[in-house]
Amino acid sequence: MQMDITIAFFILGALATLVKANIQFPKALYQGLTLFLLIAIGLKGGVALAEHGSAKLLPQSGLVILLGLVIPLIAFPILRFIGQLNREDSASIAAHYGSVSIGTYAVAVAFLETQNIAYEAYFPLFVVLLEVPAIAVGIALAKKTGDKVKWRVLLHEVFCNQSMLLLVGALLIGYWGADQIGSIKPLFFDLFRGVLALFLLEMGMVAASRIKDLKQMGNFMLAFGVAMPLIGGLLGCMLGIQMGLSSGGATLLAVLGGSASYIAVPAAMRVAIPNANHSLSITYSLAITFPFNVLVGIPTYALFTHWLTN
């Protein structure tokens, strides 16, 4: 199976950091690339929703939300009772794994297109739906009786963070303006893979820069960062097959189940669980799970789907 060219940029970024090359990647550029990917993914999903939306999406959406509720409930007891982490850290990390990584999803889409594997084009709708349930479960798991939550601030962080706002907004714009999409297609559709390559270059540098943090982690933490994506990926794959999704669609749902958020959930968790070690959650997401998914996980989820459907 040939490696997608965009993943080569992730490896290049990691190598550049490991050999201590002086590559200055402007923070504003990284933020701009992230915004581009969120808008492009949302627009594609909105256009597809306008073309292929039907009543069958309602039960499918309900099952996807259920997946977002179940995964953190699996992750929490593993972290709490096997990993011996405190309640707040266990809940925060579990919420990260129940939500999704936009970067991982973008890489998975590029992978499927390289392999000429078809998938349901309205999948960004499921990406949006998976952003919230895990946050709710994480908060419930972390809070004890009598604990107060600043709900107004929290709800603002959950629904008005850049990931949620741009994904939902672009999805609605794509749905509403599907017949006009040609005017902006050269930017948001045709340049998607090039922007993704630059994004992965930066992500490779970020992941490699956190290797020093991994040295302070125990064997359990490293194992969890690899095992939990496989558990979530397998659940997502089986659910996708039961939902009647195509092979590519089941693979994408496996990717969503196996990824860990590093944009939307961290902001929400800082408000909801201020006492948690948030750098620990980000290290899990960016230094272990994201590289694993990009280099190994996505092809593995495709194999899951192939085995289970044959």
C-alpha atoms as a PDB file:
ATOM      1  CA  MET A   1       0.000   0.000   0.000  1.00  0.00           C
ATOM      2  CA  GLN A   2       1.630   3.236  -1.174  1.00  0.00           C
ATOM      3  CA  MET A   3       2.078   6.009   1.398  1.00  0.00           C
ATOM      4  CA  ASP A   4       0.161   9.191   0.650  1.00  0.00           C
ATOM      5  CA  ILE A   5       2.447  12.050  -0.352  1.00  0.00           C
ATOM      6  CA  THR A   6       1.000  14.364   2.313  1.00  0.00           C
ATOM      7  CA  ILE A   7       2.166  12.000   5.066  1.00  0.00           C
ATOM      8  CA  ALA A   8       5.717  12.379   3.761  1.00  0.00           C
ATOM      9  CA  PHE A   9       5.528  16.023   4.855  1.00  0.00           C
ATOM     10  CA  PHE A  10       4.665  14.914   8.405  1.00  0.00           C
ATOM     11  CA  ILE A  11       7.774  12.718   8.420  1.00  0.00           C
ATOM     12  CA  LEU A  12       9.841  15.591   7.007  1.00  0.00           C
ATOM     13  CA  GLY A  13       8.670  17.900   9.792  1.00  0.00           C
ATOM     14  CA  ALA A  14       9.484  15.322  12.459  1.00  0.00           C
ATOM     15  CA  LEU A  15      12.954  14.701  11.001  1.00  0.00           C
ATOM     16  CA  ALA A  16      13.621  18.440  10.787  1.00  0.00           C
ATOM     17  CA  THR A  17      12.969  18.781  14.520  1.00  0.00           C
ATOM     18  CA  LEU A  18      14.944  15.675  15.454  1.00  0.00           C
ATOM     19  CA  VAL A  19      18.056  16.860  13.591  1.00  0.00           C
ATOM     20  CA  LYS A  20      17.522  20.352  15.075  1.00  0.00           C
ATOM     21  CA  ALA A  21      17.100  22.104  11.751  1.00  0.00           C
ATOM     22  CA  ASN A  22      16.259  25.771  12.214  1.00  0.00           C
ATOM     23  CA  ILE A  23      12.900  25.843  10.451  1.00  0.00           C
ATOM     24  CA  GLN A  24      10.707  28.727  11.535  1.00  0.00           C
ATOM     25  CA  PHE A  25       7.042  27.908  10.958  1.00  0.00           C
ATOM     26  CA  PRO A  26       5.033  31.079  11.715  1.00  0.00           C
ATOM     27  CA  LYS A  27       2.283  30.548  14.256  1.00  0.00           C
ATOM     28  CA  ALA A  28      -0.071  32.687  12.171  1.00  0.00           C
ATOM     29  CA  LEU A  29       0.489  30.406   9.175  1.00  0.00           C
ATOM     30  CA  TYR A  30      -0.337  27.295  11.216  1.00  0.00           C
ATOM     31  CA  GLN A  31      -3.509  28.955  12.486  1.00  0.00           C
ATOM     32  CA  GLY A  32      -4.412  29.945   8.936  1.00  0.00           C
ATOM     33  CA  LEU A  33      -3.915  26.386   7.671  1.00  0.00           C
ATOM     34  CA  THR A  34      -6.117  25.055  10.479  1.00  0.00           C
ATOM     35  CA  LEU A  35      -8.870  27.522   9.612  1.00  0.00           C
ATOM     36  CA  PHE A  36      -8.605  26.596   5.933  1.00  0.00           C
ATOM     37  CA  LEU A  37      -8.983  22.870   6.636  1.00  0.00           C
ATOM     38  CA  LEU A  38     -11.991  23.430   8.910  1.00  0.00           C
ATOM     39  CA  ILE A  39     -13.751  25.569   6.296  1.00  0.00           C
ATOM     40  CA  ALA A  40     -12.855  23.262   3.382  1.00  0.00           C
ATOM     41  CA  ILE A  41     -14.087  20.152   5.214  1.00  0.00           C
ATOM     42  CA  GLY A  42     -17.303  21.903   6.233  1.00  0.00           C
ATOM     43  CA  LEU A  43     -17.975  23.193   2.714  1.00  0.00           C
ATOM     44  CA  LYS A  44     -17.469  19.764   1.156  1.00  0.00           C
ATOM     45  CA  GLY A  45     -19.848  18.227   3.647  1.00  0.00           C
ATOM     46  CA  GLY A  46     -22.475  20.915   3.110  1.00  0.00           C
ATOM     47  CA  VAL A  47     -22.432  20.506  -0.672  1.00  0.00           C
ATOM     48  CA  ALA A  48     -22.686  16.719  -0.323  1.00  0.00           C
ATOM     49  CA  LEU A  49     -25.505  17.083   2.198  1.00  0.00           C
ATOM     50  CA  ALA A  50     -27.434  19.222  -0.280  1.00  0.00           C
ATOM     51  CA  GLU A  51     -26.966  16.583  -2.965  1.00  0.00           C
ATOM     52  CA  HIS A  52     -27.334  13.363  -1.002  1.00  0.00           C
ATOM     53  CA  GLY A  53     -29.110  14.266   2.255  1.00  0.00           C
ATOM     54  CA  SER A  54     -32.005  11.985   3.194  1.00  0.00           C
ATOM     55  CA  ALA A  55     -34.044  10.759   6.157  1.00  0.00           C
ATOM     56  CA  LYS A  56     -31.617   7.880   6.719  1.00  0.00           C
ATOM     57  CA  LEU A  57     -29.128  10.390   8.110  1.00  0.00           C
ATOM     58  CA  LEU A  58     -31.221  10.797  11.277  1.00  0.00           C
ATOM     59  CA  PRO A  59     -30.711   7.259  12.680  1.00  0.00           C
ATOM     60  CA  GLN A  60     -27.128   7.262  11.449  1.00  0.00           C
ATOM     61  CA  SER A  61     -26.487  10.554  13.247  1.00  0.00           C
ATOM     62  CA  GLY A  62     -27.968   9.120  16.444  1.00  0.00           C
ATOM     63  CA  LEU A  63     -25.591   6.147  16.292  1.00  0.00           C
ATOM     64  CA  VAL A  64     -22.603   8.421  15.688  1.00  0.00           C
ATOM     65  CA  ILE A  65     -23.513  10.467  18.765  1.00  0.00           C
ATOM     66  CA  LEU A  66     -23.773   7.207  20.715  1.00  0.00           C
ATOM     67  CA  LEU A  67     -20.220   6.349  19.627  1.00  0.00           C
ATOM     68  CA  GLY A  68     -19.051   9.680  21.026  1.00  0.00           C
ATOM     69  CA  LEU A  69     -20.673   8.833  24.362  1.00  0.00           C
ATOM     70  CA  VAL A  70     -19.333   5.282  24.611  1.00  0.00           C
ATOM     71  CA  ILE A  71     -15.644   5.823  23.817  1.00  0.00           C
ATOM     72  CA  PRO A  72     -14.868   8.097  26.817  1.00  0.00           C
ATOM     73  CA  LEU A  73     -16.790   5.683  29.062  1.00  0.00           C
ATOM     74  CA  ILE A  74     -14.374   2.957  27.947  1.00  0.00           C
ATOM     75  CA  ALA A  75     -11.290   5.151  28.259  1.00  0.00           C
ATOM     76  CA  PHE A  76     -12.061   6.533  31.735  1.00  0.00           C
ATOM     77  CA  PRO A  77     -11.919   3.302  33.801  1.00  0.00           C
ATOM     78  CA  ILE A  78      -8.746   2.234  31.973  1.00  0.00           C
ATOM     79  CA  LEU A  79      -7.061   5.519  32.872  1.00  0.00           C
ATOM     80  CA  ARG A  80      -8.505   5.685  36.391  1.00  0.00           C
ATOM     81  CA  PHE A  81      -8.087   2.128  37.649  1.00  0.00           C
ATOM     82  CA  ILE A  82      -5.313   0.644  35.513  1.00  0.00           C
ATOM     83  CA  GLY A  83      -3.303   3.796  34.889  1.00  0.00           C
ATOM     84  CA  GLN A  84      -3.966   5.084  38.432  1.00  0.00           C
ATOM     85  CA  LEU A  85      -4.542   8.649  37.215  1.00  0.00           C
ATOM     86  CA  ASN A  86      -6.683  10.967  39.312  1.00  0.00           C
ATOM     87  CA  ARG A  87     -10.347  11.536  38.444  1.00  0.00           C
ATOM     88  CA  GLU A  88      -9.866  14.923  36.756  1.00  0.00           C
ATOM     89  CA  ASP A  89      -7.004  13.822  34.487  1.00  0.00           C
ATOM     90  CA  SER A  90      -8.770  10.571  33.595  1.00  0.00           C
ATOM     91  CA  ALA A  91     -11.957  12.416  32.641  1.00  0.00           C
ATOM     92  CA  SER A  92     -10.132  15.069  30.634  1.00  0.00           C
ATOM     93  CA  ILE A  93      -8.076  12.561  28.643  1.00  0.00           C
ATOM     94  CA  ALA A  94     -11.144  10.355  28.083  1.00  0.00           C
ATOM     95  CA  ALA A  95     -13.007  13.366  26.640  1.00  0.00           C
ATOM     96  CA  HIS A  96     -10.134  14.035  24.228  1.00  0.00           C
ATOM     97  CA  TYR A  97     -10.364  10.473  22.907  1.00  0.00           C
ATOM     98  CA  GLY A  98     -14.134  10.584  22.560  1.00  0.00           C
ATOM     99  CA  SER A  99     -13.932  13.652  20.351  1.00  0.00           C
ATOM    100  CA  VAL A 100     -12.225  13.935  16.942  1.00  0.00           C
ATOM    101  CA  SER A 101      -9.049  15.237  15.339  1.00  0.00           C
ATOM    102  CA  ILE A 102      -9.699  17.392  12.288  1.00  0.00           C
ATOM    103  CA  GLY A 103      -6.129  16.845  11.096  1.00  0.00           C
ATOM    104  CA  THR A 104      -6.437  13.065  11.324  1.00  0.00           C
ATOM    105  CA  TYR A 105      -9.755  13.164   9.472  1.00  0.00           C
ATOM    106  CA  ALA A 106      -8.219  15.285   6.695  1.00  0.00           C
ATOM    107  CA  VAL A 107      -5.328  12.821   6.317  1.00  0.00           C
ATOM    108  CA  ALA A 108      -7.800   9.912   6.187  1.00  0.00           C
ATOM    109  CA  VAL A 109      -9.769  11.602   3.383  1.00  0.00           C
ATOM    110  CA  ALA A 110      -6.537  12.131   1.424  1.00  0.00           C
ATOM    111  CA  PHE A 111      -5.589   8.491   2.036  1.00  0.00           C
ATOM    112  CA  LEU A 112      -8.926   7.178   0.724  1.00  0.00           C
ATOM    113  CA  GLU A 113      -8.734   9.390  -2.354  1.00  0.00           C
ATOM    114  CA  THR A 114      -5.199   8.197  -3.084  1.00  0.00           C
ATOM    115  CA  GLN A 115      -6.390   4.583  -2.833  1.00  0.00           C
ATOM    116  CA  ASN A 116      -9.482   5.360  -4.961  1.00  0.00           C
ATOM    117  CA  ILE A 117     -11.777   4.222  -2.142  1.00  0.00           C
ATOM    118  CA  ALA A 118     -15.224   5.824  -2.242  1.00  0.00           C
ATOM    119  CA  TYR A 119     -16.862   7.202   0.914  1.00  0.00           C
ATOM    120  CA  GLU A 120     -20.003   9.114   1.876  1.00  0.00           C
ATOM    121  CA  ALA A 121     -19.292  12.751   1.039  1.00  0.00           C
ATOM    122  CA  TYR A 122     -21.580  14.057   3.823  1.00  0.00           C
ATOM    123  CA  PHE A 123     -19.187  12.712   6.491  1.00  0.00           C
ATOM    124  CA  PRO A 124     -18.285  16.183   7.849  1.00  0.00           C
ATOM    125  CA  LEU A 125     -21.753  16.132   9.420  1.00  0.00           C
ATOM    126  CA  PHE A 126     -20.585  13.226  11.596  1.00  0.00           C
ATOM    127  CA  VAL A 127     -17.382  15.119  12.423  1.00  0.00           C
ATOM    128  CA  VAL A 128     -19.499  17.969  13.785  1.00  0.00           C
ATOM    129  CA  LEU A 129     -21.740  15.613  15.762  1.00  0.00           C
ATOM    130  CA  LEU A 130     -18.781  13.936  17.475  1.00  0.00           C
ATOM    131  CA  GLU A 131     -17.344  17.174  18.860  1.00  0.00           C
ATOM    132  CA  VAL A 132     -19.834  17.581  21.731  1.00  0.00           C
ATOM    133  CA  PRO A 133     -20.882  14.230  23.338  1.00  0.00           C
ATOM    134  CA  ALA A 134     -17.451  13.374  24.696  1.00  0.00           C
ATOM    135  CA  ILE A 135     -17.127  16.792  26.337  1.00  0.00           C
ATOM    136  CA  ALA A 136     -20.403  16.212  28.168  1.00  0.00           C
ATOM    137  CA  VAL A 137     -19.308  12.760  29.337  1.00  0.00           C
ATOM    138  CA  GLY A 138     -15.906  14.081  30.421  1.00  0.00           C
ATOM    139  CA  ILE A 139     -17.531  16.766  32.564  1.00  0.00           C
ATOM    140  CA  ALA A 140     -19.924  14.259  34.139  1.00  0.00           C
ATOM    141  CA  LEU A 141     -17.078  11.867  34.959  1.00  0.00           C
ATOM    142  CA  ALA A 142     -14.907  14.588  36.483  1.00  0.00           C
ATOM    143  CA  LYS A 143     -17.461  16.279  38.695  1.00  0.00           C
ATOM    144  CA  LYS A 144     -18.319  15.234  42.200  1.00  0.00           C
ATOM    145  CA  THR A 145     -21.554  16.023  44.022  1.00  0.00           C
ATOM    146  CA  GLY A 146     -21.642  19.703  44.881  1.00  0.00           C
ATOM    147  CA  ASP A 147     -19.096  20.791  42.276  1.00  0.00           C
ATOM    148  CA  LYS A 148     -20.121  23.895  40.398  1.00  0.00           C
ATOM    149  CA  VAL A 149     -19.700  24.345  36.652  1.00  0.00           C
ATOM    150  CA  LYS A 150     -19.676  27.716  34.918  1.00  0.00           C
ATOM    151  CA  TRP A 151     -22.223  26.541  32.372  1.00  0.00           C
ATOM    152  CA  ARG A 152     -22.547  29.803  30.505  1.00  0.00           C
ATOM    153  CA  VAL A 153     -18.813  30.043  29.913  1.00  0.00           C
ATOM    154  CA  LEU A 154     -18.547  26.341  29.174  1.00  0.00           C
ATOM    155  CA  LEU A 155     -21.367  26.302  26.616  1.00  0.00           C
ATOM    156  CA  HIS A 156     -19.775  29.264  24.889  1.00  0.00           C
ATOM    157  CA  GLU A 157     -16.452  27.378  24.673  1.00  0.00           C
ATOM    158  CA  VAL A 158     -18.127  24.217  23.382  1.00  0.00           C
ATOM    159  CA  PHE A 159     -20.316  25.750  20.698  1.00  0.00           C
ATOM    160  CA  CYS A 160     -18.366  28.900  19.794  1.00  0.00           C
ATOM    161  CA  ASN A 161     -14.813  27.564  19.655  1.00  0.00           C
ATOM    162  CA  GLN A 162     -13.161  27.921  16.243  1.00  0.00           C
ATOM    163  CA  SER A 163     -13.478  24.243  15.370  1.00  0.00           C
ATOM    164  CA  MET A 164     -17.203  23.963  16.017  1.00  0.00           C
ATOM    165  CA  LEU A 165     -18.106  27.411  14.697  1.00  0.00           C
ATOM    166  CA  LEU A 166     -16.213  27.099  11.407  1.00  0.00           C
ATOM    167  CA  LEU A 167     -17.207  23.488  10.755  1.00  0.00           C
ATOM    168  CA  VAL A 168     -20.904  24.128  11.364  1.00  0.00           C
ATOM    169  CA  GLY A 169     -20.834  27.485   9.624  1.00  0.00           C
ATOM    170  CA  ALA A 170     -19.064  26.161   6.538  1.00  0.00           C
ATOM    171  CA  LEU A 171     -21.372  23.128   6.489  1.00  0.00           C
ATOM    172  CA  LEU A 172     -24.428  25.383   6.425  1.00  0.00           C
ATOM    173  CA  ILE A 173     -22.900  27.681   3.802  1.00  0.00           C
ATOM    174  CA  GLY A 174     -22.046  24.690   1.612  1.00  0.00           C
ATOM    175  CA  TYR A 175     -25.576  23.351   2.001  1.00  0.00           C
ATOM    176  CA  TRP A 176     -27.197  26.719   1.277  1.00  0.00           C
ATOM    177  CA  GLY A 177     -24.878  27.732  -1.571  1.00  0.00           C
ATOM    178  CA  ALA A 178     -24.226  24.362  -3.206  1.00  0.00           C
ATOM    179  CA  ASP A 179     -25.163  25.705  -6.635  1.00  0.00           C
ATOM    180  CA  GLN A 180     -22.647  28.568  -6.270  1.00  0.00           C
ATOM    181  CA  ILE A 181     -19.738  26.528  -4.949  1.00  0.00           C
ATOM    182  CA  GLY A 182     -17.884  26.711  -8.270  1.00  0.00           C
ATOM    183  CA  SER A 183     -16.816  30.296  -7.553  1.00  0.00           C
ATOM    184  CA  ILE A 184     -14.740  29.266  -4.502  1.00  0.00           C
ATOM    185  CA  LYS A 185     -13.957  25.670  -5.458  1.00  0.00           C
ATOM    186  CA  PRO A 186     -10.451  26.436  -6.837  1.00  0.00           C
ATOM    187  CA  LEU A 187      -9.377  27.686  -3.399  1.00  0.00           C
ATOM    188  CA  PHE A 188     -11.089  25.376  -0.929  1.00  0.00           C
ATOM    189  CA  PHE A 189     -11.332  22.175  -2.964  1.00  0.00           C
ATOM    190  CA  ASP A 190      -8.465  22.146  -5.469  1.00  0.00           C
ATOM    191  CA  LEU A 191      -5.802  23.346  -3.000  1.00  0.00           C
ATOM    192  CA  PHE A 192      -6.931  21.097  -0.150  1.00  0.00           C
ATOM    193  CA  ARG A 193      -4.117  18.556  -0.390  1.00  0.00           C
ATOM    194  CA  GLY A 194      -1.414  21.197  -0.745  1.00  0.00           C
ATOM    195  CA  VAL A 195      -2.619  22.987   2.388  1.00  0.00           C
ATOM    196  CA  LEU A 196      -2.843  19.638   4.188  1.00  0.00           C
ATOM    197  CA  ALA A 197       0.809  18.953   3.291  1.00  0.00           C
ATOM    198  CA  LEU A 198       1.906  22.229   4.919  1.00  0.00           C
ATOM    199  CA  PHE A 199      -0.283  21.521   7.944  1.00  0.00           C
ATOM    200  CA  LEU A 200       1.312  18.092   8.388  1.00  0.00           C
ATOM    201  CA  LEU A 201       4.790  19.580   8.063  1.00  0.00           C
ATOM    202  CA  GLU A 202       4.054  21.713  11.116  1.00  0.00           C
ATOM    203  CA  MET A 203       2.344  18.847  12.955  1.00  0.00           C
ATOM    204  CA  GLY A 204       5.395  16.648  12.407  1.00  0.00           C
ATOM    205  CA  MET A 205       7.560  19.327  13.998  1.00  0.00           C
ATOM    206  CA  VAL A 206       5.152  19.704  16.928  1.00  0.00           C
ATOM    207  CA  ALA A 207       4.930  15.948  17.528  1.00  0.00           C
ATOM    208  CA  ALA A 208       8.713  15.514  17.461  1.00  0.00           C
ATOM    209  CA  SER A 209       9.208  18.465  19.828  1.00  0.00           C
ATOM    210  CA  ARG A 210       7.139  16.623  22.454  1.00  0.00           C
ATOM    211  CA  ILE A 211       9.327  13.522  22.464  1.00  0.00           C
ATOM    212  CA  LYS A 212      11.006  14.861  25.593  1.00  0.00           C
ATOM    213  CA  ASP A 213       7.615  14.741  27.313  1.00  0.00           C
ATOM    214  CA  LEU A 214       7.262  11.077  26.389  1.00  0.00           C
ATOM    215  CA  LYS A 215      10.426  10.272  28.316  1.00  0.00           C
ATOM    216  CA  GLN A 216       8.658  11.312  31.504  1.00  0.00           C
ATOM    217  CA  MET A 217       5.696   9.037  30.838  1.00  0.00           C
ATOM    218  CA  GLY A 218       5.373   5.510  32.095  1.00  0.00           C
ATOM    219  CA  ASN A 219       4.848   2.463  29.929  1.00  0.00           C
ATOM    220  CA  PHE A 220       1.116   2.537  30.619  1.00  0.00           C
ATOM    221  CA  MET A 221       0.688   5.994  29.158  1.00  0.00           C
ATOM    222  CA  LEU A 222       2.548   5.129  25.974  1.00  0.00           C
ATOM    223  CA  ALA A 223       0.574   1.901  25.631  1.00  0.00           C
ATOM    224  CA  PHE A 224      -2.739   3.694  26.187  1.00  0.00           C
ATOM    225  CA  GLY A 225      -1.931   6.284  23.523  1.00  0.00           C
ATOM    226  CA  VAL A 226      -1.635   3.461  20.980  1.00  0.00           C
ATOM    227  CA  ALA A 227      -4.195   0.945  22.291  1.00  0.00           C
ATOM    228  CA  MET A 228      -7.096   3.368  22.790  1.00  0.00           C
ATOM    229  CA  PRO A 229      -7.138   4.488  19.139  1.00  0.00           C
ATOM    230  CA  LEU A 230      -7.281   0.844  18.092  1.00  0.00           C
ATOM    231  CA  ILE A 231     -10.201   0.196  20.456  1.00  0.00           C
ATOM    232  CA  GLY A 232     -12.087   3.269  19.268  1.00  0.00           C
ATOM    233  CA  GLY A 233     -11.184   2.522  15.649  1.00  0.00           C
ATOM    234  CA  LEU A 234     -12.507  -1.016  15.851  1.00  0.00           C
ATOM    235  CA  LEU A 235     -15.752   0.180  17.448  1.00  0.00           C
ATOM    236  CA  GLY A 236     -16.160   2.850  14.776  1.00  0.00           C
ATOM    237  CA  CYS A 237     -15.467   0.367  12.005  1.00  0.00           C
ATOM    238  CA  MET A 238     -18.011  -2.171  13.301  1.00  0.00           C
ATOM    239  CA  LEU A 239     -20.602   0.560  13.798  1.00  0.00           C
ATOM    240  CA  GLY A 240     -20.006   1.876  10.281  1.00  0.00           C
ATOM    241  CA  ILE A 241     -20.582  -1.572   8.810  1.00  0.00           C
ATOM    242  CA  GLN A 242     -23.782  -2.011  10.854  1.00  0.00           C
ATOM    243  CA  MET A 243     -24.974   1.391   9.632  1.00  0.00           C
ATOM    244  CA  GLY A 244     -24.598   0.214   6.055  1.00  0.00           C
ATOM    245  CA  LEU A 245     -21.824   2.651   5.171  1.00  0.00           C
ATOM    246  CA  SER A 246     -19.505   2.020   2.257  1.00  0.00           C
ATOM    247  CA  SER A 247     -16.045   0.566   2.860  1.00  0.00           C
ATOM    248  CA  GLY A 248     -14.569   4.065   2.796  1.00  0.00           C
ATOM    249  CA  GLY A 249     -17.289   5.364   5.100  1.00  0.00           C
ATOM    250  CA  ALA A 250     -16.687   2.607   7.658  1.00  0.00           C
ATOM    251  CA  THR A 251     -12.966   3.397   7.497  1.00  0.00           C
ATOM    252  CA  LEU A 252     -13.635   7.088   8.112  1.00  0.00           C
ATOM    253  CA  LEU A 253     -15.884   6.308  11.071  1.00  0.00           C
ATOM    254  CA  ALA A 254     -13.083   4.126  12.437  1.00  0.00           C
ATOM    255  CA  VAL A 255     -10.706   7.082  12.039  1.00  0.00           C
ATOM    256  CA  LEU A 256     -13.118   9.345  13.921  1.00  0.00           C
ATOM    257  CA  GLY A 257     -13.460   6.730  16.665  1.00  0.00           C
ATOM    258  CA  GLY A 258      -9.693   6.292  16.909  1.00  0.00           C
ATOM    259  CA  SER A 259      -8.622   9.935  16.850  1.00  0.00           C
ATOM    260  CA  ALA A 260      -8.131  12.314  19.760  1.00  0.00           C
ATOM    261  CA  SER A 261      -9.026  16.005  19.761  1.00  0.00           C
ATOM    262  CA  TYR A 262      -6.410  18.714  20.174  1.00  0.00           C
ATOM    263  CA  ILE A 263      -8.466  21.789  19.208  1.00  0.00           C
ATOM    264  CA  ALA A 264     -12.041  21.859  20.539  1.00  0.00           C
ATOM    265  CA  VAL A 265     -11.824  19.667  23.648  1.00  0.00           C
ATOM    266  CA  PRO A 266      -8.719  21.255  25.256  1.00  0.00           C
ATOM    267  CA  ALA A 267     -10.440  24.656  25.351  1.00  0.00           C
ATOM    268  CA  ALA A 268     -13.597  23.204  26.875  1.00  0.00           C
ATOM    269  CA  MET A 269     -11.714  21.121  29.437  1.00  0.00           C
ATOM    270  CA  ARG A 270      -9.752  24.138  30.688  1.00  0.00           C
ATOM    271  CA  VAL A 271     -13.058  25.744  31.605  1.00  0.00           C
ATOM    272  CA  ALA A 272     -14.879  22.639  32.870  1.00  0.00           C
ATOM    273  CA  ILE A 273     -12.009  20.872  34.660  1.00  0.00           C
ATOM    274  CA  PRO A 274      -9.471  23.577  35.603  1.00  0.00           C
ATOM    275  CA  ASN A 275      -7.578  21.304  38.008  1.00  0.00           C
ATOM    276  CA  ALA A 276      -6.713  18.698  35.359  1.00  0.00           C
ATOM    277  CA  ASN A 277      -3.209  18.463  33.892  1.00  0.00           C
ATOM    278  CA  HIS A 278      -4.074  19.741  30.409  1.00  0.00           C
ATOM    279  CA  SER A 279      -0.540  19.437  29.065  1.00  0.00           C
ATOM    280  CA  LEU A 280      -0.824  15.701  29.738  1.00  0.00           C
ATOM    281  CA  SER A 281      -3.930  15.448  27.546  1.00  0.00           C
ATOM    282  CA  ILE A 282      -2.282  17.387  24.717  1.00  0.00           C
ATOM    283  CA  THR A 283       0.814  15.193  24.904  1.00  0.00           C
ATOM    284  CA  TYR A 284      -1.374  12.110  24.565  1.00  0.00           C
ATOM    285  CA  SER A 285      -3.167  13.608  21.565  1.00  0.00           C
ATOM    286  CA  LEU A 286      -0.281  15.190  19.685  1.00  0.00           C
ATOM    287  CA  ALA A 287       2.819  13.235  20.674  1.00  0.00           C
ATOM    288  CA  ILE A 288       1.399   9.694  20.656  1.00  0.00           C
ATOM    289  CA  THR A 289      -2.023   9.261  19.065  1.00  0.00           C
ATOM    290  CA  PHE A 290      -1.791  11.729  16.183  1.00  0.00           C
ATOM    291  CA  PRO A 291       1.537  10.349  14.838  1.00  0.00           C
ATOM    292  CA  PHE A 292       0.309   6.782  15.379  1.00  0.00           C
ATOM    293  CA  ASN A 293      -2.869   7.427  13.419  1.00  0.00           C
ATOM    294  CA  VAL A 294      -1.129   9.268  10.580  1.00  0.00           C
ATOM    295  CA  LEU A 295       1.622   6.684  10.109  1.00  0.00           C
ATOM    296  CA  VAL A 296      -0.026   3.415  11.192  1.00  0.00           C
ATOM    297  CA  GLY A 297      -3.606   3.815  12.366  1.00  0.00           C
ATOM    298  CA  ILE A 298      -5.362   4.930   9.174  1.00  0.00           C
ATOM    299  CA  PRO A 299      -4.062   2.014   7.036  1.00  0.00           C
ATOM    300  CA  THR A 300      -4.881  -0.297   9.957  1.00  0.00           C
ATOM    301  CA  TYR A 301      -8.486   0.926  10.101  1.00  0.00           C
ATOM    302  CA  ALA A 302      -8.758   0.320   6.355  1.00  0.00           C
ATOM    303  CA  LEU A 303      -7.585  -3.259   6.972  1.00  0.00           C
ATOM    304  CA  PHE A 304     -10.128  -3.631   9.807  1.00  0.00           C
ATOM    305  CA  THR A 305     -12.844  -2.695   7.352  1.00  0.00           C
ATOM    306  CA  HIS A 306     -11.553  -5.046   4.655  1.00  0.00           C
ATOM    307  CA  TRP A 307     -11.385  -7.998   7.057  1.00  0.00           C
ATOM    308  CA  LEU A 308     -14.783  -7.377   8.616  1.00  0.00           C
ATOM    309  CA  THR A 309     -16.561  -6.911   5.282  1.00  0.00           C
ATOM    310  CA  ASN A 310     -14.969  -9.981   3.712  1.00  0.00           C
END
